[in-house]
Amino acid sequence: MGNKFLEGNFAPVSREHTITELAVTGRIPDFLDGRYLRNGPNPLSEVDPAAYHWFMGDGMVHGVRLRDGKAEWYRNRWVRNPAVTAVLEGEGPSRFCGLDALGANTNVIGHAGKTLALVEAGAPIYELTDELDTTGVCDFDGTLRGGYTAHPKRDPRTGELHAVSYFFGMGNKVQYSVIDAGGRARRTVDIEVTGSPMMHDFSLTERHVIFYDLPVTFNAEMAVAAGVPSALRTPAKLVLSAMVGKVRVPDPMTAMMARKIGANGGLPYRWDPKYPARIGVMPREGGNGDVRWFDVEPCYVFHPLNAYDDGDSVVLDVVRHARMFDRELHGPGEDNPTLDRWTVDLVAGKVLEERLDDRGQEFPRVDERLVGRRHRFGYTMSADGGANPGGSLFKHDFHTGSRQERAFGAGRQPGEFVFVPCHDDAAEDDGVLIGFVFDPATRRSDLTLLDAGTMETVAAIHLPDRVPNGFHGNWVPTTP
């Protein structure tokens, strides 16, 4: 049985590189001093195509160091959790499973002088060196134990990281946290939700935190089937069904079930048509009792583009999937995701849902200086079914309602692009867009720099290998 998430540019690469001589076409702007980093799944060991889910592969971080108009190096490194380390050291993967085997494969950020490889759903996150070698698990100096999230939001005013984390072992709760600019948790709040949803991302405004409680939920039957012997599946499923969504799962039960969910097996979350679709709005300094819930049409949102307050309303620009993990169980692929705007009227108590662009797209990004604030521009990657990359990058102008498309031609496939301003006070699209572009003809990738205003190529840094289709990246500037 084939699996498209192991084929083409979804297939893993087999080598780690350290390359200090990189060919460049064009001119790298002098204001770029830092690293472009991107994370994604890259299974180290052979996996079963019939069972493999794209979200479950071992994490691999790719990075390019830019300084003084030069590309100083390209590196790619597996994130060395215990399972990856055992394989690389020749010990084999069999003695590690569950959360210790789940790769930090989804995002990579810089915060408080550290480089952090991120994942969600209770698995550990890892600290890396500047050269992308793994130093160990990060728990924010012991102030936030357990799992974190793949999508923290940095408040551009305070430098704090706001986040919402989920894990099936938390039952019907998710956790809102704030990590200060020094890298320590200063606030955590448990928020009650309907059951045990996959809350991949959230939104932040200057006054509010927004939760997406949507109908992709922990599926006890899938979790049990991932590794429980057939004779024990019925009692195990009953135990999980009774506990998830009602009470917090005790640590021994959590550990037992984590061991049963294989490192590269099926993801135990699935579309649940009976689960209500709603969004919660909480004041930033509020608690569980302050959350107001608003119904929306059934759908799923992996990634909001941005959000902001507008008088007595909250405006949410999101990439909306009509459903997720219903028929396609190896990765996103149910339909073409659309760019929508949800306006939450806090006075009337309802949500206005509008379609901004019906062309398939994903991986939305915004100028990070405007997180939680009104934005004009946003950038998305064309996508077929939510995973297969198209050949274009979209630039949305929310003031004019127009969309600019940059095609890369000849079957080339762009990944997520991020915006970097040319200086701290630059205009919203005065800078460059940075992302990897895969060329199937050469089987290699370029780190491509575009002028954000014109969408024309500024420079292309040619890598010696391809960067597989992955998830999220960020520009991490050099700190003094």
Protein backbone atom coordinates (compact mmCIF):
# COMPACT_ATOMS: atom_id res chain seq x y z
CA MET A 1 0.00 0.00 0.00
CA GLY A 2 1.40 3.38 -0.99
CA ASN A 3 1.49 6.48 1.18
CA LYS A 4 1.91 9.86 -0.53
CA PHE A 5 3.45 11.24 2.66
CA LEU A 6 6.47 9.00 2.06
CA GLU A 7 6.79 9.75 -1.66
CA GLY A 8 8.17 12.57 -3.81
CA ASN A 9 9.41 15.44 -1.68
CA PHE A 10 7.58 14.05 1.33
CA ALA A 11 10.15 11.24 1.43
CA PRO A 12 12.84 11.65 4.09
CA VAL A 13 16.46 12.50 3.36
CA SER A 14 19.08 10.14 4.73
CA ARG A 15 22.06 12.41 5.42
CA GLU A 16 23.03 15.19 7.77
CA HIS A 17 25.03 17.94 6.07
CA THR A 18 27.44 20.64 7.17
CA ILE A 19 28.15 22.76 4.10
CA THR A 20 30.16 25.99 4.30
CA GLU A 21 30.55 26.63 0.56
CA LEU A 22 27.15 27.55 -0.88
CA ALA A 23 26.48 28.87 -4.37
CA VAL A 24 24.28 31.98 -4.46
CA THR A 25 22.38 33.56 -7.32
CA GLY A 26 21.56 37.22 -6.77
CA ARG A 27 22.48 39.31 -3.74
CA ILE A 28 21.76 38.55 -0.09
CA PRO A 29 20.70 41.79 1.67
CA ASP A 30 23.23 43.07 4.19
CA PHE A 31 20.56 43.60 6.87
CA LEU A 32 20.07 39.84 7.24
CA ASP A 33 22.16 38.66 10.20
CA GLY A 34 20.86 35.42 11.66
CA ARG A 35 19.58 31.96 10.80
CA TYR A 36 16.60 30.79 8.82
CA LEU A 37 15.47 27.55 10.49
CA ARG A 38 12.73 25.11 9.49
CA ASN A 39 11.48 21.91 11.09
CA GLY A 40 9.69 18.90 9.66
CA PRO A 41 9.18 15.12 9.87
CA ASN A 42 12.01 12.96 8.56
CA PRO A 43 11.71 9.30 9.65
CA LEU A 44 15.11 7.86 10.50
CA SER A 45 14.04 4.21 10.57
CA GLU A 46 11.93 2.33 8.08
CA VAL A 47 8.21 2.85 8.68
CA ASP A 48 5.08 0.99 7.63
CA PRO A 49 3.47 2.97 4.79
CA ALA A 50 0.04 1.62 5.70
CA ALA A 51 0.30 3.02 9.23
CA TYR A 52 2.53 6.06 8.85
CA HIS A 53 1.06 9.49 9.55
CA TRP A 54 2.95 12.55 8.32
CA PHE A 55 2.76 14.23 11.73
CA MET A 56 4.58 11.38 13.45
CA GLY A 57 7.98 11.34 11.73
CA ASP A 58 11.25 12.04 13.55
CA GLY A 59 12.07 15.75 13.65
CA MET A 60 14.77 17.25 11.43
CA VAL A 61 15.76 20.91 11.56
CA HIS A 62 17.29 22.59 8.50
CA GLY A 63 19.14 25.88 8.83
CA VAL A 64 21.02 28.46 6.79
CA ARG A 65 23.25 31.07 8.43
CA LEU A 66 23.30 34.51 6.74
CA ARG A 67 25.63 37.38 7.60
CA ASP A 68 27.31 40.30 5.80
CA GLY A 69 25.62 39.44 2.53
CA LYS A 70 26.91 35.85 2.61
CA ALA A 71 25.50 32.38 3.23
CA GLU A 72 27.95 31.01 5.80
CA TRP A 73 26.55 27.52 6.20
CA TYR A 74 23.74 25.04 5.69
CA ARG A 75 23.11 22.35 8.28
CA ASN A 76 20.41 19.74 8.81
CA ARG A 77 20.17 17.70 12.00
CA TRP A 78 17.79 15.15 13.43
CA VAL A 79 16.42 16.27 16.78
CA ARG A 80 17.99 13.71 19.07
CA ASN A 81 15.28 12.38 21.33
CA PRO A 82 16.04 9.01 22.99
CA ALA A 83 14.69 6.94 20.09
CA VAL A 84 16.64 8.83 17.41
CA THR A 85 19.80 8.77 19.51
CA ALA A 86 19.50 5.00 19.99
CA VAL A 87 19.23 4.40 16.25
CA LEU A 88 22.10 6.73 15.37
CA GLU A 89 24.28 5.05 17.97
CA GLY A 90 23.45 1.61 16.62
CA GLU A 91 21.31 0.44 19.52
CA GLY A 92 18.09 0.07 17.51
CA PRO A 93 14.69 1.67 18.12
CA SER A 94 12.85 -1.09 19.94
CA ARG A 95 13.30 -0.05 23.57
CA PHE A 96 11.94 3.47 23.09
CA CYS A 97 8.30 4.15 22.32
CA GLY A 98 5.47 6.50 23.23
CA LEU A 99 6.23 10.11 24.07
CA ASP A 100 9.99 9.48 24.26
CA ALA A 101 9.87 8.40 20.63
CA LEU A 102 7.69 11.20 19.27
CA GLY A 103 9.86 13.66 17.40
CA ALA A 104 9.98 17.41 18.01
CA ASN A 105 9.16 17.86 14.34
CA THR A 106 6.75 20.78 13.89
CA ASN A 107 8.31 24.19 14.53
CA VAL A 108 11.59 25.79 15.58
CA ILE A 109 11.99 29.18 17.25
CA GLY A 110 14.49 31.32 19.08
CA HIS A 111 13.60 32.57 22.56
CA ALA A 112 15.62 33.88 25.50
CA GLY A 113 18.84 33.07 23.69
CA LYS A 114 17.83 29.46 23.06
CA THR A 115 16.89 27.56 19.91
CA LEU A 116 13.86 25.34 20.55
CA ALA A 117 12.48 22.50 18.44
CA LEU A 118 8.75 22.28 19.12
CA VAL A 119 5.99 19.70 18.92
CA GLU A 120 2.61 19.31 20.64
CA ALA A 121 0.27 16.81 22.30
CA GLY A 122 2.35 16.16 25.42
CA ALA A 123 5.65 15.23 23.82
CA PRO A 124 8.90 16.90 24.97
CA ILE A 125 10.42 19.87 23.21
CA TYR A 126 14.18 20.12 22.77
CA GLU A 127 16.84 22.80 23.00
CA LEU A 128 19.40 23.01 20.18
CA THR A 129 22.71 24.78 19.85
CA ASP A 130 23.20 27.57 17.33
CA GLU A 131 24.64 24.87 15.03
CA LEU A 132 21.48 22.71 15.52
CA ASP A 133 22.97 19.99 17.72
CA THR A 134 20.59 18.76 20.43
CA THR A 135 21.44 19.67 24.02
CA GLY A 136 18.40 18.17 25.79
CA VAL A 137 14.77 18.52 26.81
CA CYS A 138 13.52 22.05 27.50
CA ASP A 139 11.09 22.65 30.38
CA PHE A 140 11.74 26.39 30.65
CA ASP A 141 14.07 26.07 33.65
CA GLY A 142 11.67 23.70 35.41
CA THR A 143 8.75 26.15 35.32
CA LEU A 144 6.63 24.30 32.73
CA ARG A 145 6.85 20.54 32.92
CA GLY A 146 5.15 18.25 30.44
CA GLY A 147 4.42 19.01 26.82
CA TYR A 148 4.15 22.39 25.18
CA THR A 149 2.87 23.44 21.75
CA ALA A 150 4.08 23.88 18.19
CA HIS A 151 2.58 27.39 17.89
CA PRO A 152 3.47 29.91 20.57
CA LYS A 153 2.80 33.57 19.77
CA ARG A 154 5.34 36.20 20.71
CA ASP A 155 3.81 39.45 21.95
CA PRO A 156 5.70 42.11 19.99
CA ARG A 157 5.37 44.58 22.88
CA THR A 158 6.57 42.44 25.80
CA GLY A 159 8.56 39.70 24.06
CA GLU A 160 6.62 37.06 26.02
CA LEU A 161 5.54 33.75 24.47
CA HIS A 162 1.82 33.00 24.79
CA ALA A 163 0.70 29.45 24.06
CA VAL A 164 -2.13 26.93 24.29
CA SER A 165 -1.09 23.30 24.84
CA TYR A 166 -3.15 20.10 24.59
CA PHE A 167 -2.62 16.42 25.39
CA PHE A 168 -5.12 13.55 25.62
CA GLY A 169 -3.90 12.84 29.16
CA MET A 170 -5.28 16.23 30.28
CA GLY A 171 -8.84 15.03 29.70
CA ASN A 172 -11.22 17.87 28.88
CA LYS A 173 -8.69 20.62 29.48
CA VAL A 174 -6.11 22.59 27.53
CA GLN A 175 -3.49 24.82 29.12
CA TYR A 176 -2.82 28.48 28.40
CA SER A 177 0.68 29.58 29.37
CA VAL A 178 2.84 32.68 29.25
CA ILE A 179 6.64 32.34 29.06
CA ASP A 180 8.44 35.57 29.96
CA ALA A 181 11.22 37.14 27.90
CA GLY A 182 13.78 35.42 30.14
CA GLY A 183 12.45 31.96 29.30
CA ARG A 184 10.45 31.08 32.44
CA ALA A 185 6.71 30.44 32.80
CA ARG A 186 5.01 33.28 34.67
CA ARG A 187 1.41 32.10 34.23
CA THR A 188 -0.51 28.89 33.45
CA VAL A 189 -4.29 28.49 33.28
CA ASP A 190 -6.30 25.30 32.68
CA ILE A 191 -9.24 25.85 30.32
CA GLU A 192 -12.17 23.40 30.14
CA VAL A 193 -13.17 22.31 26.64
CA THR A 194 -15.81 19.94 25.30
CA GLY A 195 -13.67 16.83 25.22
CA SER A 196 -10.12 16.11 24.07
CA PRO A 197 -9.56 18.12 20.87
CA MET A 198 -6.47 18.53 18.73
CA MET A 199 -5.96 22.24 19.40
CA HIS A 200 -3.02 22.74 17.08
CA ASP A 201 -2.97 26.54 17.27
CA PHE A 202 -4.73 29.49 18.87
CA SER A 203 -5.00 33.25 18.38
CA LEU A 204 -3.84 36.22 20.41
CA THR A 205 -4.94 39.85 20.33
CA GLU A 206 -3.91 42.80 22.46
CA ARG A 207 -6.78 42.04 24.86
CA HIS A 208 -7.83 38.44 24.26
CA VAL A 209 -6.80 34.79 23.91
CA ILE A 210 -8.85 32.72 21.44
CA PHE A 211 -9.30 28.94 21.69
CA TYR A 212 -10.37 26.72 18.77
CA ASP A 213 -12.45 23.82 20.17
CA LEU A 214 -13.17 21.99 16.92
CA PRO A 215 -14.22 18.45 15.95
CA VAL A 216 -10.89 16.69 15.48
CA THR A 217 -10.60 14.78 18.74
CA PHE A 218 -8.67 12.04 20.49
CA ASN A 219 -9.97 8.70 19.23
CA ALA A 220 -9.65 5.91 21.78
CA GLU A 221 -10.23 3.18 19.20
CA MET A 222 -7.37 4.42 17.00
CA ALA A 223 -5.06 4.79 20.00
CA VAL A 224 -5.81 1.29 21.21
CA ALA A 225 -5.39 -0.19 17.73
CA ALA A 226 -1.93 1.40 17.49
CA GLY A 227 -0.39 -1.10 19.86
CA VAL A 228 -2.72 -2.86 22.30
CA PRO A 229 -3.09 -6.64 21.81
CA SER A 230 -6.47 -7.55 20.35
CA ALA A 231 -7.62 -9.37 23.48
CA LEU A 232 -7.16 -6.19 25.55
CA ARG A 233 -8.57 -3.65 23.10
CA THR A 234 -12.14 -3.61 24.38
CA PRO A 235 -11.28 -2.98 28.06
CA ALA A 236 -8.54 -0.51 27.12
CA LYS A 237 -10.95 1.43 24.91
CA LEU A 238 -13.56 1.50 27.65
CA VAL A 239 -11.05 2.83 30.16
CA LEU A 240 -9.89 5.57 27.81
CA SER A 241 -13.40 6.52 26.75
CA ALA A 242 -14.46 6.81 30.36
CA MET A 243 -11.53 8.95 31.36
CA VAL A 244 -10.79 11.23 28.40
CA GLY A 245 -13.07 14.25 28.55
CA LYS A 246 -14.22 13.60 32.10
CA VAL A 247 -11.25 13.51 34.44
CA ARG A 248 -7.53 13.98 34.16
CA VAL A 249 -5.89 10.67 33.25
CA PRO A 250 -3.62 9.52 36.11
CA ASP A 251 0.06 9.52 35.26
CA PRO A 252 0.43 5.68 35.21
CA MET A 253 -2.45 5.41 32.70
CA THR A 254 -1.00 8.24 30.64
CA ALA A 255 2.38 6.52 30.55
CA MET A 256 0.82 3.17 29.62
CA MET A 257 -1.14 4.60 26.71
CA ALA A 258 1.78 6.72 25.56
CA ARG A 259 3.82 3.54 25.26
CA LYS A 260 1.12 2.02 23.08
CA ILE A 261 1.09 4.89 20.57
CA GLY A 262 3.97 4.12 18.23
CA ALA A 263 6.54 6.69 17.22
CA ASN A 264 5.65 6.51 13.54
CA GLY A 265 2.26 4.85 13.76
CA GLY A 266 -1.15 6.34 13.21
CA LEU A 267 -2.11 9.66 14.77
CA PRO A 268 -4.86 8.95 17.35
CA TYR A 269 -7.01 11.96 16.38
CA ARG A 270 -9.94 11.88 13.98
CA TRP A 271 -12.90 13.90 12.73
CA ASP A 272 -15.88 13.58 15.09
CA PRO A 273 -19.14 14.86 13.52
CA LYS A 274 -20.88 14.79 16.91
CA TYR A 275 -18.39 17.15 18.53
CA PRO A 276 -19.54 20.80 18.67
CA ALA A 277 -17.50 23.39 16.75
CA ARG A 278 -16.89 26.54 18.76
CA ILE A 279 -14.34 29.20 19.60
CA GLY A 280 -13.62 30.61 23.04
CA VAL A 281 -12.64 34.20 23.81
CA MET A 282 -10.89 34.94 27.12
CA PRO A 283 -9.42 38.20 28.43
CA ARG A 284 -5.63 37.90 28.54
CA GLU A 285 -5.52 38.03 32.32
CA GLY A 286 -8.72 36.00 32.70
CA GLY A 287 -9.33 32.44 33.78
CA ASN A 288 -11.50 29.48 32.87
CA GLY A 289 -14.65 31.15 34.17
CA ASP A 290 -14.09 34.18 31.95
CA VAL A 291 -14.12 32.30 28.63
CA ARG A 292 -17.07 33.05 26.37
CA TRP A 293 -17.88 30.37 23.80
CA PHE A 294 -19.29 31.00 20.33
CA ASP A 295 -20.61 28.39 17.89
CA VAL A 296 -19.22 28.20 14.34
CA GLU A 297 -20.02 25.95 11.40
CA PRO A 298 -18.29 22.55 11.72
CA CYS A 299 -14.75 22.73 10.35
CA TYR A 300 -11.13 22.48 11.40
CA VAL A 301 -8.42 25.13 11.69
CA PHE A 302 -4.76 24.20 11.90
CA HIS A 303 -3.47 27.74 11.43
CA PRO A 304 -4.89 31.20 12.03
CA LEU A 305 -3.11 33.90 10.05
CA ASN A 306 -3.59 36.62 12.67
CA ALA A 307 -6.18 38.21 14.94
CA TYR A 308 -6.94 41.66 16.32
CA ASP A 309 -9.45 43.59 18.39
CA ASP A 310 -11.84 45.93 16.58
CA GLY A 311 -13.95 47.81 19.12
CA ASP A 312 -16.40 45.29 20.60
CA SER A 313 -15.40 42.62 18.08
CA VAL A 314 -12.51 40.23 17.61
CA VAL A 315 -11.38 39.62 14.02
CA LEU A 316 -9.85 36.23 13.18
CA ASP A 317 -8.28 35.46 9.80
CA VAL A 318 -7.96 31.66 9.55
CA VAL A 319 -7.30 28.87 7.08
CA ARG A 320 -10.47 26.77 7.24
CA HIS A 321 -10.75 23.06 6.40
CA ALA A 322 -14.29 21.77 5.91
CA ARG A 323 -13.22 18.60 7.73
CA MET A 324 -10.01 16.82 8.69
CA PHE A 325 -8.88 13.20 9.24
CA ASP A 326 -12.20 11.78 8.16
CA ARG A 327 -11.35 9.84 4.97
CA GLU A 328 -7.61 10.61 4.67
CA LEU A 329 -5.88 9.26 7.78
CA HIS A 330 -2.22 9.67 6.80
CA GLY A 331 -2.16 13.47 6.81
CA PRO A 332 -4.17 16.52 5.75
CA GLY A 333 -5.99 15.84 2.49
CA GLU A 334 -9.76 16.09 2.83
CA ASP A 335 -10.41 19.21 0.76
CA ASN A 336 -9.00 22.52 -0.41
CA PRO A 337 -8.58 24.77 2.65
CA THR A 338 -9.80 28.34 2.23
CA LEU A 339 -8.87 31.69 3.73
CA ASP A 340 -11.78 32.90 5.88
CA ARG A 341 -12.52 35.75 8.26
CA TRP A 342 -14.47 35.21 11.45
CA THR A 343 -15.67 38.34 13.24
CA VAL A 344 -16.74 37.65 16.81
CA ASP A 345 -19.33 40.21 17.95
CA LEU A 346 -18.88 40.25 21.72
CA VAL A 347 -22.03 42.34 22.23
CA ALA A 348 -24.41 40.37 20.00
CA GLY A 349 -22.82 37.06 21.01
CA LYS A 350 -22.40 35.66 17.51
CA VAL A 351 -19.80 35.06 14.80
CA LEU A 352 -19.92 36.36 11.24
CA GLU A 353 -18.15 33.91 8.92
CA GLU A 354 -16.86 35.24 5.57
CA ARG A 355 -14.88 33.68 2.73
CA LEU A 356 -11.89 35.82 1.74
CA ASP A 357 -10.31 33.47 -0.81
CA ASP A 358 -11.60 30.10 -1.96
CA ARG A 359 -8.39 28.92 -3.59
CA GLY A 360 -6.61 26.09 -1.76
CA GLN A 361 -3.92 27.42 0.59
CA GLU A 362 -2.20 26.78 3.91
CA PHE A 363 0.74 27.83 6.13
CA PRO A 364 -0.39 31.44 6.66
CA ARG A 365 2.09 33.97 7.98
CA VAL A 366 2.03 37.63 8.90
CA ASP A 367 4.60 40.26 9.82
CA GLU A 368 5.52 39.07 13.33
CA ARG A 369 5.66 42.68 14.55
CA LEU A 370 1.87 42.73 14.09
CA VAL A 371 0.89 39.55 15.93
CA GLY A 372 -2.36 40.38 17.73
CA ARG A 373 -2.66 43.71 15.96
CA ARG A 374 -4.42 44.90 12.81
CA HIS A 375 -2.49 43.76 9.74
CA ARG A 376 -2.65 44.67 6.09
CA PHE A 377 -0.70 41.84 4.46
CA GLY A 378 -0.63 38.08 4.89
CA TYR A 379 1.20 35.30 3.04
CA THR A 380 0.01 31.77 2.28
CA MET A 381 1.27 28.80 0.27
CA SER A 382 -0.96 27.35 -2.43
CA ALA A 383 -1.99 23.85 -1.40
CA ASP A 384 -4.03 20.99 -2.81
CA GLY A 385 -6.02 19.29 -0.10
CA GLY A 386 -4.07 20.98 2.66
CA ALA A 387 -0.79 19.13 2.28
CA ASN A 388 0.34 18.81 -1.33
CA PRO A 389 2.23 22.01 -2.05
CA GLY A 390 1.22 23.95 -5.12
CA GLY A 391 3.58 26.06 -7.15
CA SER A 392 2.70 29.51 -5.82
CA LEU A 393 3.02 31.89 -2.92
CA PHE A 394 0.07 34.23 -2.28
CA LYS A 395 0.32 37.74 -0.87
CA HIS A 396 -3.02 38.99 0.46
CA ASP A 397 -3.75 42.71 0.80
CA PHE A 398 -6.60 42.97 3.30
CA HIS A 399 -7.02 46.71 2.71
CA THR A 400 -7.78 46.36 -0.98
CA GLY A 401 -9.04 42.77 -0.98
CA SER A 402 -6.53 41.87 -3.71
CA ARG A 403 -4.22 38.88 -3.97
CA GLN A 404 -0.82 38.77 -5.63
CA GLU A 405 0.50 35.41 -6.79
CA ARG A 406 4.13 34.48 -7.23
CA ALA A 407 4.56 31.27 -9.23
CA PHE A 408 7.93 29.51 -9.18
CA GLY A 409 7.51 27.60 -12.45
CA ALA A 410 8.72 24.29 -13.87
CA GLY A 411 7.05 22.21 -11.16
CA ARG A 412 8.94 23.94 -8.35
CA GLN A 413 7.23 23.73 -4.96
CA PRO A 414 7.52 26.45 -2.31
CA GLY A 415 7.17 25.77 1.38
CA GLU A 416 6.12 28.21 4.06
CA PHE A 417 7.62 31.70 3.66
CA VAL A 418 8.30 34.11 6.53
CA PHE A 419 8.61 37.90 6.43
CA VAL A 420 11.72 39.71 7.71
CA PRO A 421 11.62 43.54 7.81
CA CYS A 422 14.64 45.43 6.51
CA HIS A 423 14.80 47.31 9.84
CA ASP A 424 12.73 47.52 13.03
CA ASP A 425 10.65 50.49 11.89
CA ALA A 426 10.20 49.40 8.26
CA ALA A 427 6.79 49.40 6.60
CA GLU A 428 4.74 46.21 6.76
CA ASP A 429 5.98 44.80 3.46
CA ASP A 430 9.38 46.53 3.36
CA GLY A 431 11.71 43.57 3.67
CA VAL A 432 12.14 40.06 2.36
CA LEU A 433 10.20 36.82 2.34
CA ILE A 434 12.32 33.73 3.06
CA GLY A 435 11.49 30.09 2.38
CA PHE A 436 12.64 26.85 0.78
CA VAL A 437 11.69 26.01 -2.81
CA PHE A 438 12.09 22.43 -4.08
CA ASP A 439 13.01 21.77 -7.71
CA PRO A 440 11.97 18.24 -8.78
CA ALA A 441 14.20 18.44 -11.87
CA THR A 442 17.40 18.71 -9.84
CA ARG A 443 16.08 17.04 -6.66
CA ARG A 444 17.51 19.95 -4.69
CA SER A 445 16.12 22.90 -2.78
CA ASP A 446 17.01 26.58 -2.71
CA LEU A 447 16.61 28.97 0.17
CA THR A 448 14.82 31.70 -1.76
CA LEU A 449 14.64 35.37 -0.79
CA LEU A 450 11.90 37.53 -2.33
CA ASP A 451 11.34 41.28 -2.16
CA ALA A 452 8.14 41.40 -0.10
CA GLY A 453 6.89 44.46 -1.95
CA THR A 454 7.34 43.23 -5.51
CA MET A 455 7.51 39.43 -4.90
CA GLU A 456 10.55 39.29 -7.20
CA THR A 457 13.55 37.09 -6.38
CA VAL A 458 16.35 38.85 -4.53
CA ALA A 459 18.61 35.83 -4.04
CA ALA A 460 18.60 32.05 -4.18
CA ILE A 461 20.98 30.01 -2.01
CA HIS A 462 21.52 26.63 -3.63
CA LEU A 463 21.59 23.67 -1.23
CA PRO A 464 23.37 20.37 -1.90
CA ASP A 465 20.28 18.28 -1.17
CA ARG A 466 16.52 18.67 -0.98
CA VAL A 467 14.59 19.87 2.03
CA PRO A 468 11.55 17.57 2.32
CA ASN A 469 8.07 19.02 2.60
CA GLY A 470 7.77 19.97 6.24
CA PHE A 471 6.02 22.30 8.59
CA HIS A 472 7.17 25.56 10.12
CA GLY A 473 10.21 27.77 10.22
CA ASN A 474 11.34 31.14 11.50
CA TRP A 475 14.00 33.75 11.06
CA VAL A 476 16.13 33.86 14.22
CA PRO A 477 18.19 37.06 14.27
CA THR A 478 21.62 37.16 15.86
CA THR A 479 21.42 38.52 19.38
CA PRO A 480 24.19 40.82 20.66
